[in-house]
């Protein structure tokens, strides 16, 4: 079930991480 949740939210996670990286620049 946890893996399913991760897969469903992977795209959002990637976008969030990329956004946070832009803030650190």
Protein backbone atom coordinates (compact mmCIF):
# COMPACT_ATOMS: atom_id res chain seq x y z
CA UNK A 1 0.00 0.00 0.00
CA UNK A 2 2.86 2.37 0.83
CA UNK A 3 4.50 1.65 -2.52
CA UNK A 4 1.21 2.39 -4.27
CA UNK A 5 1.01 5.76 -2.50
CA UNK A 6 4.58 6.60 -3.49
CA UNK A 7 3.95 5.71 -7.14
CA UNK A 8 0.78 7.78 -7.28
CA UNK A 9 2.55 10.82 -5.81
CA UNK A 10 5.96 10.37 -7.44
CA UNK A 11 5.33 13.04 -10.09
CA UNK A 12 4.23 15.53 -7.45
CA UNK A 13 7.26 14.69 -5.32
CA UNK A 14 9.64 15.26 -8.23
CA UNK A 15 8.04 18.60 -8.99
CA UNK A 16 8.21 19.63 -5.34
CA UNK A 17 11.89 18.71 -5.06
CA UNK A 18 12.69 20.57 -8.28
CA UNK A 19 10.83 23.61 -6.96
CA UNK A 20 12.72 23.53 -3.66
CA UNK A 21 16.00 23.31 -5.56
CA UNK A 22 15.15 26.49 -7.45
CA UNK A 23 14.66 28.24 -4.11
CA UNK A 24 18.10 27.13 -2.95
CA UNK A 25 19.77 28.50 -6.06
